[in-house]
Amino acid sequence: MEDNPKNQVLKKAVVWKDLFFYRKSDAIYQLTVEFCRRFLPPHGDRTVDQMV
């Protein structure tokens, strides 16, 4: 079988940790967790759970 893309059934595996949007969303997640840890009460506030 040739390496023609039309003959391939599955696409090449992608390392999702290297994707641009994964890196950006991970940075936003880490900033959100740090913000909640610093400025919001740890217990009794559902805002923390919803943000994280």
C-alpha atoms as a PDB file:
ATOM      1  CA  MET A   1       0.000   0.000   0.000  1.00  0.00           C
ATOM      2  CA  GLU A   2       1.315   3.446  -0.856  1.00  0.00           C
ATOM      3  CA  ASP A   3       1.551   6.401   1.530  1.00  0.00           C
ATOM      4  CA  ASN A   4      -1.106   8.249  -0.404  1.00  0.00           C
ATOM      5  CA  PRO A   5      -3.382  10.198   2.014  1.00  0.00           C
ATOM      6  CA  LYS A   6      -6.437   9.016   0.100  1.00  0.00           C
ATOM      7  CA  ASN A   7      -5.628   5.395   0.985  1.00  0.00           C
ATOM      8  CA  GLN A   8      -5.282   6.016   4.713  1.00  0.00           C
ATOM      9  CA  VAL A   9      -8.234   5.250   6.939  1.00  0.00           C
ATOM     10  CA  LEU A  10      -6.883   6.799  10.147  1.00  0.00           C
ATOM     11  CA  LYS A  11      -5.157  10.121  10.455  1.00  0.00           C
ATOM     12  CA  LYS A  12      -1.703  10.508  11.908  1.00  0.00           C
ATOM     13  CA  ALA A  13      -1.702  10.581  15.710  1.00  0.00           C
ATOM     14  CA  VAL A  14      -1.515  14.061  17.208  1.00  0.00           C
ATOM     15  CA  VAL A  15       0.052  14.849  20.569  1.00  0.00           C
ATOM     16  CA  TRP A  16      -2.708  16.959  22.073  1.00  0.00           C
ATOM     17  CA  LYS A  17      -0.411  18.567  24.657  1.00  0.00           C
ATOM     18  CA  ASP A  18       1.450  20.252  21.797  1.00  0.00           C
ATOM     19  CA  LEU A  19      -1.673  21.833  20.314  1.00  0.00           C
ATOM     20  CA  PHE A  20      -1.885  25.635  20.450  1.00  0.00           C
ATOM     21  CA  PHE A  21      -5.381  25.780  21.952  1.00  0.00           C
ATOM     22  CA  TYR A  22      -4.591  23.146  24.580  1.00  0.00           C
ATOM     23  CA  ARG A  23      -1.569  25.151  25.793  1.00  0.00           C
ATOM     24  CA  LYS A  24      -3.591  28.380  25.928  1.00  0.00           C
ATOM     25  CA  SER A  25      -6.562  26.796  27.697  1.00  0.00           C
ATOM     26  CA  ASP A  26      -4.245  25.104  30.205  1.00  0.00           C
ATOM     27  CA  ALA A  27      -2.655  28.479  31.029  1.00  0.00           C
ATOM     28  CA  ILE A  28      -6.110  30.041  31.524  1.00  0.00           C
ATOM     29  CA  TYR A  29      -7.136  27.116  33.756  1.00  0.00           C
ATOM     30  CA  GLN A  30      -4.028  27.502  35.926  1.00  0.00           C
ATOM     31  CA  LEU A  31      -4.595  31.251  36.253  1.00  0.00           C
ATOM     32  CA  THR A  32      -8.241  30.669  37.211  1.00  0.00           C
ATOM     33  CA  VAL A  33      -7.298  28.160  39.901  1.00  0.00           C
ATOM     34  CA  GLU A  34      -4.694  30.541  41.323  1.00  0.00           C
ATOM     35  CA  PHE A  35      -7.177  33.450  41.264  1.00  0.00           C
ATOM     36  CA  CYS A  36      -9.798  31.377  43.099  1.00  0.00           C
ATOM     37  CA  ARG A  37      -7.247  30.193  45.647  1.00  0.00           C
ATOM     38  CA  ARG A  38      -6.123  33.753  46.421  1.00  0.00           C
ATOM     39  CA  PHE A  39      -9.275  35.853  46.257  1.00  0.00           C
ATOM     40  CA  LEU A  40     -12.301  33.634  46.881  1.00  0.00           C
ATOM     41  CA  PRO A  41     -13.274  31.743  50.041  1.00  0.00           C
ATOM     42  CA  PRO A  42     -12.318  28.060  49.831  1.00  0.00           C
ATOM     43  CA  HIS A  43     -15.570  26.717  51.332  1.00  0.00           C
ATOM     44  CA  GLY A  44     -19.216  27.633  51.075  1.00  0.00           C
ATOM     45  CA  ASP A  45     -19.019  29.458  47.743  1.00  0.00           C
ATOM     46  CA  ARG A  46     -20.225  27.699  44.620  1.00  0.00           C
ATOM     47  CA  THR A  47     -18.501  30.309  42.446  1.00  0.00           C
ATOM     48  CA  VAL A  48     -15.161  28.565  42.972  1.00  0.00           C
ATOM     49  CA  ASP A  49     -16.532  25.215  41.771  1.00  0.00           C
ATOM     50  CA  GLN A  50     -18.157  26.806  38.740  1.00  0.00           C
ATOM     51  CA  MET A  51     -15.067  28.757  37.738  1.00  0.00           C
ATOM     52  CA  VAL A  52     -12.666  25.840  38.068  1.00  0.00           C
END
